[in-house]
Amino acid sequence: MNAGAGPAGQSGANTMQGVALMAVAMLLLPCMDAIAKYMANFAGMSPGQVTFYRFFFQLVCTVPLIFTAAGAATLRPKRPWLNLLRGAIHGAASLLFFAAVKYMPLADVFAIYFVEPFILTAMSAAFLGDRVGWRRWLAIIIGFGGALIVIQPSFVLFGWTALLPVGCAFLYSVYLFMNRAIGDADSPLTMQTIAGFGGTLFMGLALMIGNNASIADFELSLPPSLFTLILLLVLGALSGYAHMLVVRAFRMAPLSLLAPFQYFEIISATVLGYAIFGDFPTPSKWLGIAIIVASGLFIIWREQTSRKARADIAFD
């Protein structure tokens, strides 16, 4: 069976529900990143510390649901090590992203990060057997070209920091890929809670190592005010619940179809970046973003066309 076609017996209605869940999650997640940027630039918290709190407060928000909605037995996942590894990979990806947004405008970081759907589509073809024809491979290459248009001026201004979103994109692709690899063995709530443990443990270790090495972006600190504590709680809630939507979406719709919908993040990122931080993409960056989004939309269209053609052949 083609792994990209989704779970067996998947209906068209389920696929559309998965797409809707993914779209909602992608509109919510930039709010989390705006909070991280605020904490780094206005509350004096290092990206490493913010990332640790992001996973710690995710646990604070999701563990009560385990006991009230699913029972303590849910804390015993069928695939604990894969879920912990998934959380550690997500922790590393979040660290790179939060470090990038400390120094760069939100929209710039997201524009460069948008190479992730192309990486994920390529991974789905290489490892899950998804059929990706030459047109979609060409769209992936053009999309990477659009990312380079955004990276070039950002690299001049921020140096190697401009490549942090690329590293984040690769790690997050692996994280999303593992959502499908782990499959339906555990519920989305269990997966997200155990992943929260994995991310918290990874970031706790990274903080200790980075702080002992006197790296500024790993400096230890406590929330300086009640307001920042509330923001950190919101950060954890958004990360936990929005990623539960992502896990659920990937069980309802094909990986290669959902991947390009992450472009919805540019809407929230641009609005929040301008409203809170006064950042707005330059014309050249808009050109790069347009190329990336157009390439992604083409991939969606080709995926839908291919799926329809295969369905017609099967029907005949």
Protein backbone atom coordinates (compact mmCIF):
# COMPACT_ATOMS: atom_id res chain seq x y z
CA MET A 1 0.00 0.00 0.00
CA ASN A 2 1.22 3.53 -0.77
CA ALA A 3 2.01 4.97 2.68
CA GLY A 4 1.27 8.47 1.46
CA ALA A 5 -2.34 7.48 0.78
CA GLY A 6 -3.06 7.54 4.49
CA PRO A 7 -4.53 4.93 6.81
CA ALA A 8 -6.53 2.11 5.35
CA GLY A 9 -10.17 2.93 4.83
CA GLN A 10 -9.52 6.65 4.98
CA SER A 11 -12.50 8.55 3.58
CA GLY A 12 -12.60 11.83 1.71
CA ALA A 13 -14.39 13.41 4.68
CA ASN A 14 -11.61 12.32 7.04
CA THR A 15 -9.03 13.75 4.67
CA MET A 16 -10.75 17.13 4.62
CA GLN A 17 -11.05 17.10 8.42
CA GLY A 18 -7.34 16.40 8.63
CA VAL A 19 -6.61 19.32 6.31
CA ALA A 20 -8.85 21.61 8.43
CA LEU A 21 -7.11 20.55 11.67
CA MET A 22 -3.72 21.18 10.09
CA ALA A 23 -4.78 24.64 8.89
CA VAL A 24 -6.03 25.64 12.37
CA ALA A 25 -2.84 24.38 14.01
CA MET A 26 -0.67 26.29 11.54
CA LEU A 27 -2.53 29.52 12.27
CA LEU A 28 -2.08 29.05 16.04
CA LEU A 29 1.57 28.01 16.20
CA PRO A 30 3.08 31.41 15.20
CA CYS A 31 1.45 32.86 18.33
CA MET A 32 3.75 30.58 20.31
CA ASP A 33 6.77 31.85 18.38
CA ALA A 34 5.76 35.48 18.91
CA ILE A 35 5.69 34.81 22.67
CA ALA A 36 9.17 33.25 22.45
CA LYS A 37 10.50 36.31 20.61
CA TYR A 38 8.89 38.62 23.18
CA MET A 39 10.43 36.66 26.06
CA ALA A 40 13.91 36.81 24.49
CA ASN A 41 13.80 40.50 23.49
CA PHE A 42 11.71 42.13 26.23
CA ALA A 43 11.84 39.77 29.23
CA GLY A 44 15.55 39.00 28.99
CA MET A 45 15.15 35.20 28.80
CA SER A 46 17.59 33.10 26.79
CA PRO A 47 16.20 31.00 23.88
CA GLY A 48 17.36 27.85 25.69
CA GLN A 49 15.44 28.78 28.83
CA VAL A 50 12.32 29.72 26.86
CA THR A 51 12.48 26.38 25.01
CA PHE A 52 12.75 24.50 28.31
CA TYR A 53 9.70 26.33 29.70
CA ARG A 54 7.84 25.67 26.46
CA PHE A 55 8.08 21.91 27.01
CA PHE A 56 7.76 22.05 30.80
CA PHE A 57 4.52 24.04 30.68
CA GLN A 58 3.29 21.82 27.85
CA LEU A 59 3.45 19.00 30.41
CA VAL A 60 1.69 21.18 32.98
CA CYS A 61 -1.17 21.65 30.50
CA THR A 62 -1.42 18.12 29.10
CA VAL A 63 -0.76 15.82 32.09
CA PRO A 64 -4.02 16.85 33.87
CA LEU A 65 -5.90 15.80 30.72
CA ILE A 66 -4.28 12.39 30.99
CA PHE A 67 -5.78 11.78 34.42
CA THR A 68 -9.17 13.41 33.81
CA ALA A 69 -9.91 12.30 30.26
CA ALA A 70 -7.87 9.19 29.56
CA GLY A 71 -6.64 7.76 32.87
CA ALA A 72 -3.16 7.24 34.30
CA ALA A 73 -2.67 4.13 32.14
CA THR A 74 -2.24 6.48 29.18
CA LEU A 75 1.14 7.46 30.64
CA ARG A 76 2.36 3.97 29.67
CA PRO A 77 2.74 4.34 25.88
CA LYS A 78 3.20 1.31 23.66
CA ARG A 79 6.20 2.96 21.99
CA PRO A 80 7.83 5.00 24.78
CA TRP A 81 11.33 5.33 23.32
CA LEU A 82 10.13 6.49 19.91
CA ASN A 83 7.88 9.07 21.56
CA LEU A 84 10.71 10.28 23.82
CA LEU A 85 13.02 10.51 20.80
CA ARG A 86 10.31 12.39 18.92
CA GLY A 87 10.13 14.86 21.82
CA ALA A 88 13.91 15.31 21.93
CA ILE A 89 14.03 16.00 18.18
CA HIS A 90 11.19 18.48 18.57
CA GLY A 91 13.08 20.11 21.45
CA ALA A 92 16.17 20.57 19.29
CA ALA A 93 14.07 22.00 16.44
CA SER A 94 12.31 24.43 18.79
CA LEU A 95 15.63 25.56 20.24
CA LEU A 96 16.97 26.44 16.78
CA PHE A 97 13.75 28.27 15.91
CA PHE A 98 13.56 30.26 19.15
CA ALA A 99 17.22 31.23 18.78
CA ALA A 100 16.49 32.44 15.25
CA VAL A 101 13.45 34.55 16.23
CA LYS A 102 15.48 36.24 18.97
CA TYR A 103 17.71 37.84 16.35
CA MET A 104 15.58 37.88 13.18
CA PRO A 105 12.10 39.13 12.22
CA LEU A 106 9.37 36.51 12.59
CA ALA A 107 8.39 36.64 8.92
CA ASP A 108 12.02 36.16 7.81
CA VAL A 109 12.43 33.10 10.02
CA PHE A 110 9.19 31.56 8.76
CA ALA A 111 10.03 32.31 5.14
CA ILE A 112 13.36 30.45 5.42
CA TYR A 113 11.77 27.72 7.53
CA PHE A 114 9.27 27.08 4.72
CA VAL A 115 11.79 24.78 3.04
CA GLU A 116 10.44 22.23 5.56
CA PRO A 117 7.42 21.10 3.48
CA PHE A 118 9.77 20.41 0.56
CA ILE A 119 12.07 18.37 2.81
CA LEU A 120 9.07 16.48 4.16
CA THR A 121 7.67 15.76 0.69
CA ALA A 122 11.08 14.47 -0.40
CA MET A 123 11.30 12.29 2.73
CA SER A 124 7.83 10.87 2.11
CA ALA A 125 8.94 9.89 -1.40
CA ALA A 126 12.24 8.38 -0.26
CA PHE A 127 11.05 6.48 2.81
CA LEU A 128 7.27 6.04 2.60
CA GLY A 129 6.97 5.29 -1.08
CA ASP A 130 4.88 8.36 -1.98
CA ARG A 131 4.84 8.94 -5.71
CA VAL A 132 6.49 12.29 -6.42
CA GLY A 133 6.81 12.91 -10.15
CA TRP A 134 9.27 15.14 -11.95
CA ARG A 135 6.90 18.12 -11.83
CA ARG A 136 6.77 18.05 -8.04
CA TRP A 137 10.53 17.54 -7.82
CA LEU A 138 10.89 20.62 -10.03
CA ALA A 139 8.51 22.53 -7.72
CA ILE A 140 10.66 21.50 -4.73
CA ILE A 141 13.80 22.80 -6.45
CA ILE A 142 12.08 26.08 -7.37
CA GLY A 143 10.80 26.37 -3.79
CA PHE A 144 14.35 26.04 -2.49
CA GLY A 145 15.32 28.79 -4.94
CA GLY A 146 12.66 31.02 -3.40
CA ALA A 147 14.09 30.28 0.04
CA LEU A 148 17.54 31.35 -1.17
CA ILE A 149 16.08 34.71 -2.24
CA VAL A 150 15.01 35.23 1.37
CA ILE A 151 18.16 33.77 2.92
CA GLN A 152 20.62 35.90 0.94
CA PRO A 153 19.78 39.35 2.45
CA SER A 154 19.13 37.78 5.86
CA PHE A 155 22.56 36.13 5.72
CA VAL A 156 24.17 39.51 5.00
CA LEU A 157 22.45 41.02 8.07
CA PHE A 158 22.53 38.12 10.53
CA GLY A 159 25.32 35.82 9.31
CA TRP A 160 25.08 32.11 10.06
CA THR A 161 22.06 32.78 12.28
CA ALA A 162 20.04 33.00 9.04
CA LEU A 163 20.61 29.26 8.55
CA LEU A 164 19.16 28.27 11.93
CA PRO A 165 15.62 27.99 10.43
CA VAL A 166 16.99 25.55 7.83
CA GLY A 167 18.30 23.28 10.60
CA CYS A 168 14.96 23.65 12.37
CA ALA A 169 13.12 22.75 9.15
CA PHE A 170 15.09 19.53 8.77
CA LEU A 171 14.57 18.46 12.40
CA TYR A 172 10.88 19.33 12.32
CA SER A 173 10.51 17.29 9.12
CA VAL A 174 11.93 14.32 10.99
CA TYR A 175 9.50 15.01 13.86
CA LEU A 176 6.50 15.07 11.50
CA PHE A 177 7.81 12.01 9.69
CA MET A 178 7.84 10.15 13.01
CA ASN A 179 4.16 11.01 13.53
CA ARG A 180 3.43 8.63 10.66
CA ALA A 181 6.18 6.15 11.60
CA ILE A 182 4.79 5.74 15.14
CA GLY A 183 1.32 5.25 13.67
CA ASP A 184 -1.80 4.60 15.73
CA ALA A 185 -0.17 2.70 18.59
CA ASP A 186 -0.81 5.57 21.02
CA SER A 187 -3.38 8.36 21.21
CA PRO A 188 -2.41 11.94 20.21
CA LEU A 189 -2.69 12.97 23.89
CA THR A 190 -0.31 10.21 24.96
CA MET A 191 2.12 10.98 22.15
CA GLN A 192 2.18 14.68 22.94
CA THR A 193 2.57 14.13 26.69
CA ILE A 194 5.44 11.66 26.36
CA ALA A 195 7.02 13.89 23.71
CA GLY A 196 6.74 16.71 26.26
CA PHE A 197 8.78 14.61 28.69
CA GLY A 198 11.34 13.96 25.96
CA GLY A 199 11.61 17.64 25.04
CA THR A 200 11.84 18.72 28.70
CA LEU A 201 14.60 16.20 29.47
CA PHE A 202 16.53 17.14 26.32
CA MET A 203 16.29 20.86 27.03
CA GLY A 204 17.17 20.40 30.71
CA LEU A 205 20.38 18.64 29.66
CA ALA A 206 21.09 21.22 26.93
CA LEU A 207 20.56 24.07 29.41
CA MET A 208 22.98 22.59 31.93
CA ILE A 209 25.67 22.01 29.31
CA GLY A 210 25.18 25.40 27.62
CA ASN A 211 25.03 27.36 30.88
CA ASN A 212 28.16 25.64 32.24
CA ALA A 213 29.89 26.58 28.98
CA SER A 214 28.80 30.23 29.56
CA ILE A 215 26.84 30.39 26.30
CA ALA A 216 24.52 33.41 26.52
CA ASP A 217 21.64 31.75 24.68
CA PHE A 218 21.51 29.05 27.41
CA GLU A 219 21.56 31.36 30.43
CA LEU A 220 19.37 30.11 33.30
CA SER A 221 16.62 32.39 34.64
CA LEU A 222 13.21 32.39 36.30
CA PRO A 223 10.12 34.24 34.97
CA PRO A 224 10.72 37.88 36.01
CA SER A 225 7.02 38.71 36.58
CA LEU A 226 3.54 37.24 36.86
CA PHE A 227 2.79 38.46 33.33
CA THR A 228 5.74 36.53 31.86
CA LEU A 229 4.72 33.45 33.86
CA ILE A 230 1.24 33.66 32.31
CA LEU A 231 2.80 34.04 28.85
CA LEU A 232 4.90 30.93 29.45
CA LEU A 233 1.77 29.00 30.46
CA VAL A 234 0.07 30.15 27.24
CA LEU A 235 3.21 29.13 25.33
CA GLY A 236 3.03 25.62 26.78
CA ALA A 237 -0.73 25.31 26.16
CA LEU A 238 -0.41 26.43 22.52
CA SER A 239 2.48 24.06 21.86
CA GLY A 240 0.77 21.08 23.44
CA TYR A 241 -2.73 21.45 22.04
CA ALA A 242 -1.76 22.72 18.58
CA HIS A 243 0.64 19.83 18.06
CA MET A 244 -2.08 17.41 19.15
CA LEU A 245 -4.06 18.78 16.21
CA VAL A 246 -1.04 18.12 13.97
CA VAL A 247 -0.75 14.52 15.19
CA ARG A 248 -4.48 13.99 14.63
CA ALA A 249 -4.32 15.57 11.17
CA PHE A 250 -1.52 13.24 10.09
CA ARG A 251 -3.69 10.27 11.02
CA MET A 252 -6.55 11.51 8.85
CA ALA A 253 -4.81 12.76 5.70
CA PRO A 254 -1.70 11.91 3.64
CA LEU A 255 1.61 13.35 4.77
CA SER A 256 2.47 14.76 1.34
CA LEU A 257 -0.92 16.53 1.15
CA LEU A 258 -0.70 18.13 4.60
CA ALA A 259 2.91 19.31 4.37
CA PRO A 260 2.34 22.40 2.16
CA PHE A 261 -0.52 23.61 4.39
CA GLN A 262 2.11 24.81 6.82
CA TYR A 263 2.34 27.92 4.62
CA PHE A 264 -0.69 29.15 6.56
CA GLU A 265 1.84 30.08 9.26
CA ILE A 266 3.06 33.01 7.16
CA ILE A 267 -0.30 34.73 7.67
CA SER A 268 -0.10 34.73 11.47
CA ALA A 269 3.66 35.32 11.49
CA THR A 270 3.46 38.42 9.28
CA VAL A 271 0.51 39.91 11.19
CA LEU A 272 2.08 39.25 14.61
CA GLY A 273 5.53 40.39 13.50
CA TYR A 274 4.17 43.69 12.25
CA ALA A 275 1.69 44.30 15.10
CA ILE A 276 4.04 43.45 17.99
CA PHE A 277 7.57 44.02 16.69
CA GLY A 278 7.08 46.38 13.74
CA ASP A 279 8.70 43.92 11.31
CA PHE A 280 7.50 43.57 7.72
CA PRO A 281 9.11 41.68 4.83
CA THR A 282 10.91 43.65 2.15
CA PRO A 283 9.81 43.36 -1.52
CA SER A 284 12.59 40.87 -2.32
CA LYS A 285 11.54 38.68 0.60
CA TRP A 286 7.92 38.83 -0.53
CA LEU A 287 9.13 37.59 -3.92
CA GLY A 288 10.89 34.66 -2.27
CA ILE A 289 7.81 33.91 -0.13
CA ALA A 290 5.58 34.04 -3.23
CA ILE A 291 7.82 31.55 -5.05
CA ILE A 292 7.83 29.20 -2.05
CA VAL A 293 4.06 29.36 -1.59
CA ALA A 294 3.39 28.94 -5.32
CA SER A 295 5.64 25.88 -5.38
CA GLY A 296 3.81 24.44 -2.38
CA LEU A 297 0.40 25.04 -3.91
CA PHE A 298 1.56 23.33 -7.09
CA ILE A 299 2.62 20.31 -5.03
CA ILE A 300 -0.84 20.21 -3.44
CA TRP A 301 -2.51 20.37 -6.86
CA ARG A 302 -0.28 17.63 -8.29
CA GLU A 303 -0.91 15.42 -5.25
CA GLN A 304 -4.66 15.80 -5.61
CA THR A 305 -4.46 15.14 -9.37
CA SER A 306 -2.35 12.03 -8.84
CA ARG A 307 -4.65 10.69 -6.13
CA LYS A 308 -7.70 11.18 -8.38
CA ALA A 309 -5.96 9.44 -11.27
CA ARG A 310 -5.03 6.45 -9.09
CA ALA A 311 -8.57 6.28 -7.73
CA ASP A 312 -10.00 6.30 -11.27
CA ILE A 313 -7.66 3.49 -12.33
CA ALA A 314 -8.59 1.44 -9.25
CA PHE A 315 -12.28 2.03 -9.94
CA ASP A 316 -11.92 0.95 -13.57
